[in-house]
Amino acid sequence: MLPFDTLFAFFGIAIVLALTPGPDNLFVLMQSALWGPRAGMCVVLGLCTGVLGHTAAVAAGLAAIVATSPYAFTALKFVGAAYLAYLAWGALRAPSGPLNASRPPAMAPWALYRRGVFMSLTNPKVLLFFFAFLPQFTSPNPAYGPVALQTVMLGVLFMFAALIVFSAIAFFSGAFGRLLQRSPKAASWLNRVTGVVFLGLAIRLATTSR
């Protein structure tokens, strides 16, 4: 097991990184505002599952393929961008009026969870970040165990940091979104803002480079 001071420092950095505005926390914020805090938590759990997926890819050496192959990187980012564009289209086409009067109050929890997983796993920048970031805290010292196991431990710790931060975002933005949804005008604007944010994330992902 890695030393406590290393784990503590890593956890602190992970909290700061989770707080830094980016696609994942913006995604949680908009989905929570649109569907409520419970729905937002389903998205959060999906994103955290994606963190474990990226960690497993780094531990198994699969991340190196995306890091070295421009074709794999491009394919992954365009799949993610297309999905975000699809979400943007759905939000922009949503009917006007109070959300709870024009459609069901929330998507199915499993659908929201899948949305979070897909959002995370189709972002190659997250995978490349883990590929560069996690090894900085591992050690070849046999006393600390296999490097792959150290990587998994760090990934799980990063997931807990993301869970704490994203859960707080889901709670506060979900509560605020419920207030907005009581007004037909505010609900309509919330849909439009959500669509614009998703479209912006799609363009950003599609134009990103390694």
C-alpha atoms as a PDB file:
ATOM      1  CA  MET A   1       0.000   0.000   0.000  1.00  0.00           C
ATOM      2  CA  LEU A   2       1.208   3.496  -0.790  1.00  0.00           C
ATOM      3  CA  PRO A   3       2.279   5.729   2.126  1.00  0.00           C
ATOM      4  CA  PHE A   4      -0.469   7.722   3.822  1.00  0.00           C
ATOM      5  CA  ASP A   5       1.127  11.073   2.992  1.00  0.00           C
ATOM      6  CA  THR A   6       1.145  10.179  -0.717  1.00  0.00           C
ATOM      7  CA  LEU A   7      -2.505   9.133  -0.606  1.00  0.00           C
ATOM      8  CA  PHE A   8      -3.452  12.246   1.371  1.00  0.00           C
ATOM      9  CA  ALA A   9      -1.677  14.557  -1.095  1.00  0.00           C
ATOM     10  CA  PHE A  10      -3.267  12.745  -4.043  1.00  0.00           C
ATOM     11  CA  PHE A  11      -6.744  13.021  -2.525  1.00  0.00           C
ATOM     12  CA  GLY A  12      -6.304  16.763  -1.939  1.00  0.00           C
ATOM     13  CA  ILE A  13      -5.218  17.309  -5.533  1.00  0.00           C
ATOM     14  CA  ALA A  14      -8.135  15.181  -6.756  1.00  0.00           C
ATOM     15  CA  ILE A  15     -10.613  17.345  -4.821  1.00  0.00           C
ATOM     16  CA  VAL A  16      -9.166  20.494  -6.395  1.00  0.00           C
ATOM     17  CA  LEU A  17      -9.294  18.949  -9.866  1.00  0.00           C
ATOM     18  CA  ALA A  18     -12.922  17.876  -9.378  1.00  0.00           C
ATOM     19  CA  LEU A  19     -13.789  21.451  -8.355  1.00  0.00           C
ATOM     20  CA  THR A  20     -12.130  22.912 -11.456  1.00  0.00           C
ATOM     21  CA  PRO A  21     -14.801  23.792 -14.058  1.00  0.00           C
ATOM     22  CA  GLY A  22     -14.805  21.197 -16.801  1.00  0.00           C
ATOM     23  CA  PRO A  23     -17.112  18.995 -18.908  1.00  0.00           C
ATOM     24  CA  ASP A  24     -17.956  16.553 -16.110  1.00  0.00           C
ATOM     25  CA  ASN A  25     -19.016  18.988 -13.402  1.00  0.00           C
ATOM     26  CA  LEU A  26     -20.825  21.162 -15.974  1.00  0.00           C
ATOM     27  CA  PHE A  27     -22.634  18.039 -17.126  1.00  0.00           C
ATOM     28  CA  VAL A  28     -23.690  17.250 -13.558  1.00  0.00           C
ATOM     29  CA  LEU A  29     -24.784  20.848 -12.968  1.00  0.00           C
ATOM     30  CA  MET A  30     -27.009  21.034 -16.046  1.00  0.00           C
ATOM     31  CA  GLN A  31     -28.534  17.582 -15.678  1.00  0.00           C
ATOM     32  CA  SER A  32     -29.282  18.207 -11.997  1.00  0.00           C
ATOM     33  CA  ALA A  33     -30.839  21.593 -12.740  1.00  0.00           C
ATOM     34  CA  LEU A  34     -32.956  20.010 -15.460  1.00  0.00           C
ATOM     35  CA  TRP A  35     -34.090  16.827 -13.707  1.00  0.00           C
ATOM     36  CA  GLY A  36     -33.482  17.389  -9.976  1.00  0.00           C
ATOM     37  CA  PRO A  37     -30.876  16.293  -7.383  1.00  0.00           C
ATOM     38  CA  ARG A  38     -31.807  12.592  -7.376  1.00  0.00           C
ATOM     39  CA  ALA A  39     -31.455  12.396 -11.127  1.00  0.00           C
ATOM     40  CA  GLY A  40     -28.202  14.334 -10.837  1.00  0.00           C
ATOM     41  CA  MET A  41     -26.871  11.713  -8.439  1.00  0.00           C
ATOM     42  CA  CYS A  42     -27.571   8.994 -11.016  1.00  0.00           C
ATOM     43  CA  VAL A  43     -25.415  10.957 -13.463  1.00  0.00           C
ATOM     44  CA  VAL A  44     -22.734  11.374 -10.778  1.00  0.00           C
ATOM     45  CA  LEU A  45     -22.627   7.616 -10.162  1.00  0.00           C
ATOM     46  CA  GLY A  46     -22.285   7.073 -13.897  1.00  0.00           C
ATOM     47  CA  LEU A  47     -19.391   9.509 -14.134  1.00  0.00           C
ATOM     48  CA  CYS A  48     -17.690   7.834 -11.157  1.00  0.00           C
ATOM     49  CA  THR A  49     -18.083   4.465 -12.862  1.00  0.00           C
ATOM     50  CA  GLY A  50     -16.383   6.020 -15.866  1.00  0.00           C
ATOM     51  CA  VAL A  51     -13.482   7.035 -13.603  1.00  0.00           C
ATOM     52  CA  LEU A  52     -13.049   3.380 -12.676  1.00  0.00           C
ATOM     53  CA  GLY A  53     -13.147   2.497 -16.367  1.00  0.00           C
ATOM     54  CA  HIS A  54     -10.357   4.962 -17.144  1.00  0.00           C
ATOM     55  CA  THR A  55      -8.370   3.646 -14.177  1.00  0.00           C
ATOM     56  CA  ALA A  56      -8.710   0.059 -15.398  1.00  0.00           C
ATOM     57  CA  ALA A  57      -7.596   1.148 -18.875  1.00  0.00           C
ATOM     58  CA  VAL A  58      -4.468   2.780 -17.452  1.00  0.00           C
ATOM     59  CA  ALA A  59      -3.681  -0.214 -15.209  1.00  0.00           C
ATOM     60  CA  ALA A  60      -4.112  -2.635 -18.126  1.00  0.00           C
ATOM     61  CA  GLY A  61      -2.056  -0.501 -20.505  1.00  0.00           C
ATOM     62  CA  LEU A  62      -5.001   0.214 -22.830  1.00  0.00           C
ATOM     63  CA  ALA A  63      -4.659   3.971 -22.314  1.00  0.00           C
ATOM     64  CA  ALA A  64      -1.301   3.793 -24.099  1.00  0.00           C
ATOM     65  CA  ILE A  65      -3.138   2.815 -27.296  1.00  0.00           C
ATOM     66  CA  VAL A  66      -5.225   5.995 -27.239  1.00  0.00           C
ATOM     67  CA  ALA A  67      -2.158   8.024 -26.270  1.00  0.00           C
ATOM     68  CA  THR A  68      -0.130   6.746 -29.228  1.00  0.00           C
ATOM     69  CA  SER A  69      -2.803   6.184 -31.888  1.00  0.00           C
ATOM     70  CA  PRO A  70      -4.312   9.323 -33.460  1.00  0.00           C
ATOM     71  CA  TYR A  71      -7.035   7.175 -35.036  1.00  0.00           C
ATOM     72  CA  ALA A  72      -8.206   5.749 -31.694  1.00  0.00           C
ATOM     73  CA  PHE A  73      -8.141   9.205 -30.102  1.00  0.00           C
ATOM     74  CA  THR A  74     -10.099  10.791 -32.965  1.00  0.00           C
ATOM     75  CA  ALA A  75     -12.699   8.018 -33.069  1.00  0.00           C
ATOM     76  CA  LEU A  76     -13.298   8.212 -29.328  1.00  0.00           C
ATOM     77  CA  LYS A  77     -13.614  11.990 -29.226  1.00  0.00           C
ATOM     78  CA  PHE A  78     -16.061  12.110 -32.156  1.00  0.00           C
ATOM     79  CA  VAL A  79     -18.280   9.472 -30.565  1.00  0.00           C
ATOM     80  CA  GLY A  80     -18.366  11.586 -27.403  1.00  0.00           C
ATOM     81  CA  ALA A  81     -18.991  14.814 -29.335  1.00  0.00           C
ATOM     82  CA  ALA A  82     -21.835  13.222 -31.309  1.00  0.00           C
ATOM     83  CA  TYR A  83     -23.471  12.050 -28.092  1.00  0.00           C
ATOM     84  CA  LEU A  84     -23.255  15.525 -26.538  1.00  0.00           C
ATOM     85  CA  ALA A  85     -24.706  17.037 -29.704  1.00  0.00           C
ATOM     86  CA  TYR A  86     -27.586  14.553 -29.463  1.00  0.00           C
ATOM     87  CA  LEU A  87     -28.237  15.647 -25.863  1.00  0.00           C
ATOM     88  CA  ALA A  88     -28.111  19.303 -26.964  1.00  0.00           C
ATOM     89  CA  TRP A  89     -30.672  18.636 -29.707  1.00  0.00           C
ATOM     90  CA  GLY A  90     -33.003  16.947 -27.227  1.00  0.00           C
ATOM     91  CA  ALA A  91     -32.773  19.841 -24.755  1.00  0.00           C
ATOM     92  CA  LEU A  92     -33.313  22.509 -27.432  1.00  0.00           C
ATOM     93  CA  ARG A  93     -36.357  20.659 -28.809  1.00  0.00           C
ATOM     94  CA  ALA A  94     -37.945  20.205 -25.371  1.00  0.00           C
ATOM     95  CA  PRO A  95     -41.454  21.696 -25.138  1.00  0.00           C
ATOM     96  CA  SER A  96     -41.855  25.083 -23.520  1.00  0.00           C
ATOM     97  CA  GLY A  97     -43.669  25.471 -20.234  1.00  0.00           C
ATOM     98  CA  PRO A  98     -43.076  24.030 -16.777  1.00  0.00           C
ATOM     99  CA  LEU A  99     -41.066  20.836 -16.999  1.00  0.00           C
ATOM    100  CA  ASN A 100     -43.311  18.948 -14.604  1.00  0.00           C
ATOM    101  CA  ALA A 101     -46.365  19.822 -16.716  1.00  0.00           C
ATOM    102  CA  SER A 102     -44.970  19.162 -20.192  1.00  0.00           C
ATOM    103  CA  ARG A 103     -43.157  15.868 -19.578  1.00  0.00           C
ATOM    104  CA  PRO A 104     -42.268  13.385 -16.818  1.00  0.00           C
ATOM    105  CA  PRO A 105     -40.288  14.936 -13.951  1.00  0.00           C
ATOM    106  CA  ALA A 106     -37.187  12.891 -14.650  1.00  0.00           C
ATOM    107  CA  MET A 107     -35.650  10.320 -16.921  1.00  0.00           C
ATOM    108  CA  ALA A 108     -35.299   6.754 -15.683  1.00  0.00           C
ATOM    109  CA  PRO A 109     -32.433   6.435 -13.160  1.00  0.00           C
ATOM    110  CA  TRP A 110     -30.721   3.763 -15.257  1.00  0.00           C
ATOM    111  CA  ALA A 111     -30.858   5.971 -18.346  1.00  0.00           C
ATOM    112  CA  LEU A 112     -29.271   8.849 -16.438  1.00  0.00           C
ATOM    113  CA  TYR A 113     -26.618   6.516 -15.043  1.00  0.00           C
ATOM    114  CA  ARG A 114     -25.787   5.271 -18.551  1.00  0.00           C
ATOM    115  CA  ARG A 115     -25.616   8.878 -19.713  1.00  0.00           C
ATOM    116  CA  GLY A 116     -22.951   9.614 -17.091  1.00  0.00           C
ATOM    117  CA  VAL A 117     -20.948   6.482 -17.915  1.00  0.00           C
ATOM    118  CA  PHE A 118     -21.001   7.207 -21.648  1.00  0.00           C
ATOM    119  CA  MET A 119     -20.135  10.862 -21.114  1.00  0.00           C
ATOM    120  CA  SER A 120     -17.051   9.888 -19.112  1.00  0.00           C
ATOM    121  CA  LEU A 121     -15.786   6.964 -21.172  1.00  0.00           C
ATOM    122  CA  THR A 122     -16.042   8.764 -24.522  1.00  0.00           C
ATOM    123  CA  ASN A 123     -13.862  11.661 -23.406  1.00  0.00           C
ATOM    124  CA  PRO A 124     -10.300  10.771 -24.458  1.00  0.00           C
ATOM    125  CA  LYS A 125      -8.889  13.778 -22.598  1.00  0.00           C
ATOM    126  CA  VAL A 126      -9.905  12.181 -19.300  1.00  0.00           C
ATOM    127  CA  LEU A 127      -8.214   8.940 -20.292  1.00  0.00           C
ATOM    128  CA  LEU A 128      -5.020  10.726 -21.335  1.00  0.00           C
ATOM    129  CA  PHE A 129      -5.112  12.762 -18.121  1.00  0.00           C
ATOM    130  CA  PHE A 130      -5.270   9.596 -16.039  1.00  0.00           C
ATOM    131  CA  PHE A 131      -2.528   8.069 -18.182  1.00  0.00           C
ATOM    132  CA  ALA A 132      -0.223  11.016 -17.352  1.00  0.00           C
ATOM    133  CA  PHE A 133      -1.420  11.787 -13.812  1.00  0.00           C
ATOM    134  CA  LEU A 134      -1.776   8.492 -11.936  1.00  0.00           C
ATOM    135  CA  PRO A 135       1.753   7.142 -12.606  1.00  0.00           C
ATOM    136  CA  GLN A 136       3.247  10.226 -10.918  1.00  0.00           C
ATOM    137  CA  PHE A 137       2.008   8.869  -7.580  1.00  0.00           C
ATOM    138  CA  THR A 138       2.937   5.209  -8.038  1.00  0.00           C
ATOM    139  CA  SER A 139       6.205   3.697  -6.900  1.00  0.00           C
ATOM    140  CA  PRO A 140       8.300   0.790  -8.239  1.00  0.00           C
ATOM    141  CA  ASN A 141       9.140  -0.115  -4.627  1.00  0.00           C
ATOM    142  CA  PRO A 142       7.955  -3.739  -4.151  1.00  0.00           C
ATOM    143  CA  ALA A 143       6.958  -2.897  -0.573  1.00  0.00           C
ATOM    144  CA  TYR A 144       4.041  -0.859  -1.947  1.00  0.00           C
ATOM    145  CA  GLY A 145       2.693  -3.683  -4.079  1.00  0.00           C
ATOM    146  CA  PRO A 146       2.339  -4.054  -7.866  1.00  0.00           C
ATOM    147  CA  VAL A 147       2.157  -0.793  -9.814  1.00  0.00           C
ATOM    148  CA  ALA A 148      -1.123  -1.876 -11.416  1.00  0.00           C
ATOM    149  CA  LEU A 149      -2.664  -2.340  -7.967  1.00  0.00           C
ATOM    150  CA  GLN A 150      -1.344   1.072  -6.869  1.00  0.00           C
ATOM    151  CA  THR A 151      -2.940   2.600  -9.970  1.00  0.00           C
ATOM    152  CA  VAL A 152      -6.299   1.028  -9.138  1.00  0.00           C
ATOM    153  CA  MET A 153      -6.048   2.310  -5.550  1.00  0.00           C
ATOM    154  CA  LEU A 154      -5.371   5.847  -6.763  1.00  0.00           C
ATOM    155  CA  GLY A 155      -8.228   5.632  -9.259  1.00  0.00           C
ATOM    156  CA  VAL A 156     -10.659   4.559  -6.529  1.00  0.00           C
ATOM    157  CA  LEU A 157      -9.457   7.442  -4.356  1.00  0.00           C
ATOM    158  CA  PHE A 158      -9.970   9.862  -7.254  1.00  0.00           C
ATOM    159  CA  MET A 159     -13.462   8.447  -7.714  1.00  0.00           C
ATOM    160  CA  PHE A 160     -14.322   9.196  -4.062  1.00  0.00           C
ATOM    161  CA  ALA A 161     -13.058  12.764  -4.453  1.00  0.00           C
ATOM    162  CA  ALA A 162     -15.191  13.220  -7.574  1.00  0.00           C
ATOM    163  CA  LEU A 163     -18.169  11.659  -5.797  1.00  0.00           C
ATOM    164  CA  ILE A 164     -17.952  14.184  -2.952  1.00  0.00           C
ATOM    165  CA  VAL A 165     -17.637  17.233  -5.215  1.00  0.00           C
ATOM    166  CA  PHE A 166     -20.131  16.136  -7.885  1.00  0.00           C
ATOM    167  CA  SER A 167     -22.701  15.130  -5.247  1.00  0.00           C
ATOM    168  CA  ALA A 168     -22.561  18.637  -3.775  1.00  0.00           C
ATOM    169  CA  ILE A 169     -23.010  20.130  -7.257  1.00  0.00           C
ATOM    170  CA  ALA A 170     -25.958  17.819  -7.946  1.00  0.00           C
ATOM    171  CA  PHE A 171     -27.671  18.745  -4.683  1.00  0.00           C
ATOM    172  CA  PHE A 172     -27.351  22.521  -4.952  1.00  0.00           C
ATOM    173  CA  SER A 173     -27.991  22.829  -8.692  1.00  0.00           C
ATOM    174  CA  GLY A 174     -30.904  20.392  -8.439  1.00  0.00           C
ATOM    175  CA  ALA A 175     -32.549  22.421  -5.697  1.00  0.00           C
ATOM    176  CA  PHE A 176     -32.046  25.626  -7.685  1.00  0.00           C
ATOM    177  CA  GLY A 177     -33.389  23.991 -10.839  1.00  0.00           C
ATOM    178  CA  ARG A 178     -36.600  23.003  -9.063  1.00  0.00           C
ATOM    179  CA  LEU A 179     -37.247  26.633  -8.232  1.00  0.00           C
ATOM    180  CA  LEU A 180     -36.735  27.616 -11.874  1.00  0.00           C
ATOM    181  CA  GLN A 181     -39.047  24.879 -13.113  1.00  0.00           C
ATOM    182  CA  ARG A 182     -42.006  26.441 -11.305  1.00  0.00           C
ATOM    183  CA  SER A 183     -41.944  29.248 -13.853  1.00  0.00           C
ATOM    184  CA  PRO A 184     -42.870  28.375 -17.484  1.00  0.00           C
ATOM    185  CA  LYS A 185     -40.525  31.051 -18.800  1.00  0.00           C
ATOM    186  CA  ALA A 186     -37.626  30.002 -16.578  1.00  0.00           C
ATOM    187  CA  ALA A 187     -38.174  26.334 -17.466  1.00  0.00           C
ATOM    188  CA  SER A 188     -38.027  27.153 -21.157  1.00  0.00           C
ATOM    189  CA  TRP A 189     -34.811  29.124 -20.696  1.00  0.00           C
ATOM    190  CA  LEU A 190     -33.343  26.291 -18.620  1.00  0.00           C
ATOM    191  CA  ASN A 191     -33.856  23.921 -21.546  1.00  0.00           C
ATOM    192  CA  ARG A 192     -32.196  26.367 -23.925  1.00  0.00           C
ATOM    193  CA  VAL A 193     -29.220  26.982 -21.651  1.00  0.00           C
ATOM    194  CA  THR A 194     -28.801  23.226 -21.187  1.00  0.00           C
ATOM    195  CA  GLY A 195     -28.838  22.723 -24.945  1.00  0.00           C
ATOM    196  CA  VAL A 196     -26.294  25.477 -25.535  1.00  0.00           C
ATOM    197  CA  VAL A 197     -23.980  24.101 -22.817  1.00  0.00           C
ATOM    198  CA  PHE A 198     -24.144  20.583 -24.268  1.00  0.00           C
ATOM    199  CA  LEU A 199     -23.517  21.935 -27.766  1.00  0.00           C
ATOM    200  CA  GLY A 200     -20.538  23.919 -26.509  1.00  0.00           C
ATOM    201  CA  LEU A 201     -19.123  20.812 -24.816  1.00  0.00           C
ATOM    202  CA  ALA A 202     -19.621  18.850 -28.045  1.00  0.00           C
ATOM    203  CA  ILE A 203     -17.744  21.439 -30.114  1.00  0.00           C
ATOM    204  CA  ARG A 204     -14.995  21.662 -27.514  1.00  0.00           C
ATOM    205  CA  LEU A 205     -14.547  17.884 -27.490  1.00  0.00           C
ATOM    206  CA  ALA A 206     -14.677  17.593 -31.293  1.00  0.00           C
ATOM    207  CA  THR A 207     -12.001  20.249 -31.737  1.00  0.00           C
ATOM    208  CA  THR A 208      -9.707  19.102 -28.945  1.00  0.00           C
ATOM    209  CA  SER A 209      -6.306  17.646 -29.722  1.00  0.00           C
ATOM    210  CA  ARG A 210      -3.905  15.483 -27.809  1.00  0.00           C
END
